[in-house]
Amino acid sequence: MFQFVITVCSESETQGCPIFAGVTTRLDWSFEDPSKFTGTHEERMKQTRAVRDQIHAKIDSFCEEHCVANEA
């Protein structure tokens, strides 16, 4: 059983993501889709790295809030 399910794209609400029985909380974290980036290879890589960094920051924030709180 999962306590959290986290989706990372805006289509998750409209395209019928799987349903997880027993999930207490579903979090929708929308990020830009790197496959839709345009420009030179370097420009696309810069945008992709920015999304990677946003995801990393969001996970860190989530863990600070939820993971540490559960240890107490």
PDB file of N, CA and C in Angstrom:
ATOM      1  N   MET A   1       0.844  -1.180   0.000  1.00  0.00           N
ATOM      2  CA  MET A   1       0.000   0.000   0.000  1.00  0.00           C
ATOM      3  C   MET A   1       0.887   1.240   0.000  1.00  0.00           C
ATOM      4  N   PHE A   2       0.480   2.254  -0.728  1.00  0.00           N
ATOM      5  CA  PHE A   2       1.227   3.494  -0.840  1.00  0.00           C
ATOM      6  C   PHE A   2       0.557   4.585  -0.014  1.00  0.00           C
ATOM      7  N   GLN A   3       1.375   5.390   0.660  1.00  0.00           N
ATOM      8  CA  GLN A   3       0.828   6.544   1.361  1.00  0.00           C
ATOM      9  C   GLN A   3       0.675   7.721   0.404  1.00  0.00           C
ATOM     10  N   PHE A   4       1.641   7.859  -0.527  1.00  0.00           N
ATOM     11  CA  PHE A   4       1.627   8.941  -1.501  1.00  0.00           C
ATOM     12  C   PHE A   4       1.805   8.380  -2.906  1.00  0.00           C
ATOM     13  N   VAL A   5       1.143   9.016  -3.870  1.00  0.00           N
ATOM     14  CA  VAL A   5       1.413   8.798  -5.284  1.00  0.00           C
ATOM     15  C   VAL A   5       1.664  10.188  -5.850  1.00  0.00           C
ATOM     16  N   ILE A   6       2.800  10.327  -6.544  1.00  0.00           N
ATOM     17  CA  ILE A   6       3.184  11.622  -7.092  1.00  0.00           C
ATOM     18  C   ILE A   6       3.242  11.506  -8.609  1.00  0.00           C
ATOM     19  N   THR A   7       2.479  12.364  -9.286  1.00  0.00           N
ATOM     20  CA  THR A   7       2.535  12.427 -10.740  1.00  0.00           C
ATOM     21  C   THR A   7       3.315  13.687 -11.108  1.00  0.00           C
ATOM     22  N   VAL A   8       4.005  13.653 -12.246  1.00  0.00           N
ATOM     23  CA  VAL A   8       4.882  14.772 -12.589  1.00  0.00           C
ATOM     24  C   VAL A   8       4.562  15.413 -13.938  1.00  0.00           C
ATOM     25  N   CYS A   9       3.366  15.210 -14.428  1.00  0.00           N
ATOM     26  CA  CYS A   9       2.994  15.863 -15.679  1.00  0.00           C
ATOM     27  C   CYS A   9       1.558  16.349 -15.597  1.00  0.00           C
ATOM     28  N   SER A  10       1.270  17.406 -16.346  1.00  0.00           N
ATOM     29  CA  SER A  10      -0.068  17.986 -16.303  1.00  0.00           C
ATOM     30  C   SER A  10      -1.118  17.066 -16.913  1.00  0.00           C
ATOM     31  N   GLU A  11      -0.701  16.140 -17.792  1.00  0.00           N
ATOM     32  CA  GLU A  11      -1.650  15.228 -18.413  1.00  0.00           C
ATOM     33  C   GLU A  11      -2.159  14.158 -17.453  1.00  0.00           C
ATOM     34  N   SER A  12      -1.554  14.031 -16.292  1.00  0.00           N
ATOM     35  CA  SER A  12      -1.900  12.946 -15.386  1.00  0.00           C
ATOM     36  C   SER A  12      -3.351  12.989 -14.934  1.00  0.00           C
ATOM     37  N   GLU A  13      -3.914  14.182 -14.844  1.00  0.00           N
ATOM     38  CA  GLU A  13      -5.298  14.275 -14.395  1.00  0.00           C
ATOM     39  C   GLU A  13      -6.284  14.001 -15.524  1.00  0.00           C
ATOM     40  N   THR A  14      -5.894  14.290 -16.753  1.00  0.00           N
ATOM     41  CA  THR A  14      -6.837  14.148 -17.858  1.00  0.00           C
ATOM     42  C   THR A  14      -6.662  12.859 -18.639  1.00  0.00           C
ATOM     43  N   GLN A  15      -5.540  12.185 -18.503  1.00  0.00           N
ATOM     44  CA  GLN A  15      -5.284  11.015 -19.321  1.00  0.00           C
ATOM     45  C   GLN A  15      -5.421   9.707 -18.557  1.00  0.00           C
ATOM     46  N   GLY A  16      -6.039   9.764 -17.405  1.00  0.00           N
ATOM     47  CA  GLY A  16      -6.356   8.536 -16.700  1.00  0.00           C
ATOM     48  C   GLY A  16      -5.172   7.763 -16.172  1.00  0.00           C
ATOM     49  N   CYS A  17      -4.415   8.384 -15.302  1.00  0.00           N
ATOM     50  CA  CYS A  17      -3.331   7.649 -14.648  1.00  0.00           C
ATOM     51  C   CYS A  17      -3.925   6.479 -13.872  1.00  0.00           C
ATOM     52  N   PRO A  18      -3.131   5.468 -13.637  1.00  0.00           N
ATOM     53  CA  PRO A  18      -3.642   4.322 -12.874  1.00  0.00           C
ATOM     54  C   PRO A  18      -4.138   4.736 -11.497  1.00  0.00           C
ATOM     55  N   ILE A  19      -5.075   3.988 -11.003  1.00  0.00           N
ATOM     56  CA  ILE A  19      -5.602   4.230  -9.661  1.00  0.00           C
ATOM     57  C   ILE A  19      -4.890   3.272  -8.716  1.00  0.00           C
ATOM     58  N   PHE A  20      -4.400   3.811  -7.624  1.00  0.00           N
ATOM     59  CA  PHE A  20      -3.703   3.013  -6.632  1.00  0.00           C
ATOM     60  C   PHE A  20      -4.606   2.867  -5.412  1.00  0.00           C
ATOM     61  N   ALA A  21      -5.061   1.665  -5.168  1.00  0.00           N
ATOM     62  CA  ALA A  21      -5.951   1.422  -4.031  1.00  0.00           C
ATOM     63  C   ALA A  21      -5.234   1.717  -2.728  1.00  0.00           C
ATOM     64  N   GLY A  22      -5.930   2.340  -1.811  1.00  0.00           N
ATOM     65  CA  GLY A  22      -5.384   2.602  -0.493  1.00  0.00           C
ATOM     66  C   GLY A  22      -4.495   3.825  -0.407  1.00  0.00           C
ATOM     67  N   VAL A  23      -4.345   4.583  -1.489  1.00  0.00           N
ATOM     68  CA  VAL A  23      -3.498   5.781  -1.450  1.00  0.00           C
ATOM     69  C   VAL A  23      -4.172   6.835  -0.605  1.00  0.00           C
ATOM     70  N   THR A  24      -3.410   7.345   0.358  1.00  0.00           N
ATOM     71  CA  THR A  24      -3.967   8.385   1.218  1.00  0.00           C
ATOM     72  C   THR A  24      -3.890   9.749   0.558  1.00  0.00           C
ATOM     73  N   THR A  25      -2.786  10.009  -0.154  1.00  0.00           N
ATOM     74  CA  THR A  25      -2.577  11.331  -0.740  1.00  0.00           C
ATOM     75  C   THR A  25      -1.999  11.202  -2.142  1.00  0.00           C
ATOM     76  N   ARG A  26      -2.609  11.911  -3.065  1.00  0.00           N
ATOM     77  CA  ARG A  26      -2.084  11.983  -4.433  1.00  0.00           C
ATOM     78  C   ARG A  26      -1.602  13.404  -4.662  1.00  0.00           C
ATOM     79  N   LEU A  27      -0.362  13.551  -5.090  1.00  0.00           N
ATOM     80  CA  LEU A  27       0.225  14.860  -5.331  1.00  0.00           C
ATOM     81  C   LEU A  27       0.512  15.003  -6.818  1.00  0.00           C
ATOM     82  N   ASP A  28       0.095  16.110  -7.403  1.00  0.00           N
ATOM     83  CA  ASP A  28       0.331  16.374  -8.812  1.00  0.00           C
ATOM     84  C   ASP A  28       1.380  17.474  -8.924  1.00  0.00           C
ATOM     85  N   TRP A  29       2.575  17.084  -9.313  1.00  0.00           N
ATOM     86  CA  TRP A  29       3.681  18.022  -9.496  1.00  0.00           C
ATOM     87  C   TRP A  29       3.928  18.174 -10.985  1.00  0.00           C
ATOM     88  N   SER A  30       3.436  19.224 -11.581  1.00  0.00           N
ATOM     89  CA  SER A  30       3.609  19.422 -13.024  1.00  0.00           C
ATOM     90  C   SER A  30       4.961  20.052 -13.327  1.00  0.00           C
ATOM     91  N   PHE A  31       5.655  19.468 -14.285  1.00  0.00           N
ATOM     92  CA  PHE A  31       6.918  19.998 -14.776  1.00  0.00           C
ATOM     93  C   PHE A  31       6.842  20.042 -16.294  1.00  0.00           C
ATOM     94  N   GLU A  32       7.641  20.921 -16.886  1.00  0.00           N
ATOM     95  CA  GLU A  32       7.690  20.970 -18.346  1.00  0.00           C
ATOM     96  C   GLU A  32       8.199  19.633 -18.886  1.00  0.00           C
ATOM     97  N   ASP A  33       7.712  19.263 -20.046  1.00  0.00           N
ATOM     98  CA  ASP A  33       8.099  18.015 -20.696  1.00  0.00           C
ATOM     99  C   ASP A  33       9.329  18.245 -21.570  1.00  0.00           C
ATOM    100  N   PRO A  34      10.487  17.699 -21.175  1.00  0.00           N
ATOM    101  CA  PRO A  34      11.696  17.912 -21.960  1.00  0.00           C
ATOM    102  C   PRO A  34      11.597  17.440 -23.411  1.00  0.00           C
ATOM    103  N   SER A  35      10.734  16.494 -23.701  1.00  0.00           N
ATOM    104  CA  SER A  35      10.617  16.033 -25.089  1.00  0.00           C
ATOM    105  C   SER A  35      10.003  17.103 -25.991  1.00  0.00           C
ATOM    106  N   LYS A  36       9.430  18.133 -25.399  1.00  0.00           N
ATOM    107  CA  LYS A  36       8.814  19.204 -26.185  1.00  0.00           C
ATOM    108  C   LYS A  36       9.704  20.436 -26.315  1.00  0.00           C
ATOM    109  N   PHE A  37      10.894  20.403 -25.741  1.00  0.00           N
ATOM    110  CA  PHE A  37      11.809  21.530 -25.839  1.00  0.00           C
ATOM    111  C   PHE A  37      12.315  21.684 -27.266  1.00  0.00           C
ATOM    112  N   THR A  38      12.559  22.922 -27.663  1.00  0.00           N
ATOM    113  CA  THR A  38      13.091  23.203 -28.984  1.00  0.00           C
ATOM    114  C   THR A  38      14.380  23.999 -28.842  1.00  0.00           C
ATOM    115  N   GLY A  39      15.081  24.153 -29.935  1.00  0.00           N
ATOM    116  CA  GLY A  39      16.323  24.907 -29.945  1.00  0.00           C
ATOM    117  C   GLY A  39      17.487  23.993 -30.254  1.00  0.00           C
ATOM    118  N   THR A  40      18.667  24.527 -30.057  1.00  0.00           N
ATOM    119  CA  THR A  40      19.867  23.735 -30.306  1.00  0.00           C
ATOM    120  C   THR A  40      19.990  22.654 -29.235  1.00  0.00           C
ATOM    121  N   HIS A  41      20.883  21.727 -29.471  1.00  0.00           N
ATOM    122  CA  HIS A  41      21.119  20.670 -28.482  1.00  0.00           C
ATOM    123  C   HIS A  41      21.483  21.285 -27.135  1.00  0.00           C
ATOM    124  N   GLU A  42      22.333  22.271 -27.136  1.00  0.00           N
ATOM    125  CA  GLU A  42      22.760  22.918 -25.888  1.00  0.00           C
ATOM    126  C   GLU A  42      21.590  23.604 -25.183  1.00  0.00           C
ATOM    127  N   GLU A  43      20.728  24.262 -25.944  1.00  0.00           N
ATOM    128  CA  GLU A  43      19.562  24.938 -25.360  1.00  0.00           C
ATOM    129  C   GLU A  43      18.611  23.921 -24.735  1.00  0.00           C
ATOM    130  N   ARG A  44      18.380  22.818 -25.452  1.00  0.00           N
ATOM    131  CA  ARG A  44      17.483  21.780 -24.918  1.00  0.00           C
ATOM    132  C   ARG A  44      18.082  21.149 -23.661  1.00  0.00           C
ATOM    133  N   MET A  45      19.395  20.930 -23.665  1.00  0.00           N
ATOM    134  CA  MET A  45      20.055  20.368 -22.480  1.00  0.00           C
ATOM    135  C   MET A  45      19.946  21.314 -21.295  1.00  0.00           C
ATOM    136  N   LYS A  46      20.097  22.603 -21.532  1.00  0.00           N
ATOM    137  CA  LYS A  46      19.976  23.599 -20.453  1.00  0.00           C
ATOM    138  C   LYS A  46      18.568  23.563 -19.856  1.00  0.00           C
ATOM    139  N   GLN A  47      17.556  23.493 -20.721  1.00  0.00           N
ATOM    140  CA  GLN A  47      16.168  23.432 -20.248  1.00  0.00           C
ATOM    141  C   GLN A  47      15.909  22.124 -19.494  1.00  0.00           C
ATOM    142  N   THR A  48      16.441  21.031 -20.009  1.00  0.00           N
ATOM    143  CA  THR A  48      16.259  19.727 -19.366  1.00  0.00           C
ATOM    144  C   THR A  48      16.916  19.723 -17.990  1.00  0.00           C
ATOM    145  N   ARG A  49      18.101  20.278 -17.886  1.00  0.00           N
ATOM    146  CA  ARG A  49      18.785  20.346 -16.590  1.00  0.00           C
ATOM    147  C   ARG A  49      18.014  21.222 -15.608  1.00  0.00           C
ATOM    148  N   ALA A  50      17.375  22.276 -16.100  1.00  0.00           N
ATOM    149  CA  ALA A  50      16.569  23.136 -15.233  1.00  0.00           C
ATOM    150  C   ALA A  50      15.387  22.350 -14.661  1.00  0.00           C
ATOM    151  N   VAL A  51      14.739  21.538 -15.492  1.00  0.00           N
ATOM    152  CA  VAL A  51      13.628  20.705 -15.015  1.00  0.00           C
ATOM    153  C   VAL A  51      14.146  19.681 -14.002  1.00  0.00           C
ATOM    154  N   ARG A  52      15.292  19.070 -14.309  1.00  0.00           N
ATOM    155  CA  ARG A  52      15.905  18.121 -13.373  1.00  0.00           C
ATOM    156  C   ARG A  52      16.129  18.792 -12.014  1.00  0.00           C
ATOM    157  N   ASP A  53      16.636  20.007 -12.026  1.00  0.00           N
ATOM    158  CA  ASP A  53      16.903  20.721 -10.780  1.00  0.00           C
ATOM    159  C   ASP A  53      15.610  21.067 -10.045  1.00  0.00           C
ATOM    160  N   GLN A  54      14.557  21.395 -10.788  1.00  0.00           N
ATOM    161  CA  GLN A  54      13.254  21.670 -10.165  1.00  0.00           C
ATOM    162  C   GLN A  54      12.712  20.418  -9.480  1.00  0.00           C
ATOM    163  N   ILE A  55      12.838  19.280 -10.142  1.00  0.00           N
ATOM    164  CA  ILE A  55      12.374  18.014  -9.567  1.00  0.00           C
ATOM    165  C   ILE A  55      13.178  17.695  -8.306  1.00  0.00           C
ATOM    166  N   HIS A  56      14.475  17.875  -8.376  1.00  0.00           N
ATOM    167  CA  HIS A  56      15.345  17.618  -7.224  1.00  0.00           C
ATOM    168  C   HIS A  56      14.937  18.493  -6.040  1.00  0.00           C
ATOM    169  N   ALA A  57      14.707  19.775  -6.284  1.00  0.00           N
ATOM    170  CA  ALA A  57      14.304  20.694  -5.211  1.00  0.00           C
ATOM    171  C   ALA A  57      12.952  20.299  -4.619  1.00  0.00           C
ATOM    172  N   LYS A  58      12.036  19.889  -5.475  1.00  0.00           N
ATOM    173  CA  LYS A  58      10.700  19.488  -4.999  1.00  0.00           C
ATOM    174  C   LYS A  58      10.791  18.235  -4.133  1.00  0.00           C
ATOM    175  N   ILE A  59      11.613  17.280  -4.541  1.00  0.00           N
ATOM    176  CA  ILE A  59      11.792  16.056  -3.750  1.00  0.00           C
ATOM    177  C   ILE A  59      12.438  16.390  -2.407  1.00  0.00           C
ATOM    178  N   ASP A  60      13.468  17.238  -2.427  1.00  0.00           N
ATOM    179  CA  ASP A  60      14.105  17.643  -1.168  1.00  0.00           C
ATOM    180  C   ASP A  60      13.102  18.297  -0.225  1.00  0.00           C
ATOM    181  N   SER A  61      12.291  19.187  -0.761  1.00  0.00           N
ATOM    182  CA  SER A  61      11.282  19.872   0.047  1.00  0.00           C
ATOM    183  C   SER A  61      10.270  18.878   0.611  1.00  0.00           C
ATOM    184  N   PHE A  62       9.823  17.948  -0.232  1.00  0.00           N
ATOM    185  CA  PHE A  62       8.873  16.929   0.206  1.00  0.00           C
ATOM    186  C   PHE A  62       9.471  16.097   1.336  1.00  0.00           C
ATOM    187  N   CYS A  63      10.717  15.680   1.159  1.00  0.00           N
ATOM    188  CA  CYS A  63      11.366  14.846   2.183  1.00  0.00           C
ATOM    189  C   CYS A  63      11.565  15.604   3.487  1.00  0.00           C
ATOM    190  N   GLU A  64      11.940  16.873   3.399  1.00  0.00           N
ATOM    191  CA  GLU A  64      12.091  17.671   4.616  1.00  0.00           C
ATOM    192  C   GLU A  64      10.771  17.745   5.379  1.00  0.00           C
ATOM    193  N   GLU A  65       9.701  17.878   4.655  1.00  0.00           N
ATOM    194  CA  GLU A  65       8.384  18.018   5.281  1.00  0.00           C
ATOM    195  C   GLU A  65       7.822  16.678   5.785  1.00  0.00           C
ATOM    196  N   HIS A  66       7.957  15.627   4.994  1.00  0.00           N
ATOM    197  CA  HIS A  66       7.285  14.378   5.307  1.00  0.00           C
ATOM    198  C   HIS A  66       8.189  13.300   5.907  1.00  0.00           C
ATOM    199  N   CYS A  67       9.370  13.156   5.380  1.00  0.00           N
ATOM    200  CA  CYS A  67      10.236  12.073   5.832  1.00  0.00           C
ATOM    201  C   CYS A  67      10.770  12.329   7.230  1.00  0.00           C
ATOM    202  N   VAL A  68      11.234  13.529   7.505  1.00  0.00           N
ATOM    203  CA  VAL A  68      11.752  13.875   8.825  1.00  0.00           C
ATOM    204  C   VAL A  68      10.624  13.858   9.848  1.00  0.00           C
ATOM    205  N   ALA A  69       9.448  14.337   9.454  1.00  0.00           N
ATOM    206  CA  ALA A  69       8.313  14.383  10.372  1.00  0.00           C
ATOM    207  C   ALA A  69       7.919  12.975  10.812  1.00  0.00           C
ATOM    208  N   ASN A  70       8.071  11.996   9.947  1.00  0.00           N
ATOM    209  CA  ASN A  70       7.706  10.617  10.282  1.00  0.00           C
ATOM    210  C   ASN A  70       8.717   9.951  11.198  1.00  0.00           C
ATOM    211  N   GLU A  71       9.950  10.483  11.249  1.00  0.00           N
ATOM    212  CA  GLU A  71      10.971   9.897  12.104  1.00  0.00           C
ATOM    213  C   GLU A  71      10.761  10.271  13.566  1.00  0.00           C
ATOM    214  N   ALA A  72      10.112  11.378  13.825  1.00  0.00           N
ATOM    215  CA  ALA A  72       9.912  11.853  15.207  1.00  0.00           C
ATOM    216  C   ALA A  72       8.905  11.023  15.962  1.00  0.00           C
TER     217      ALA A  72
END
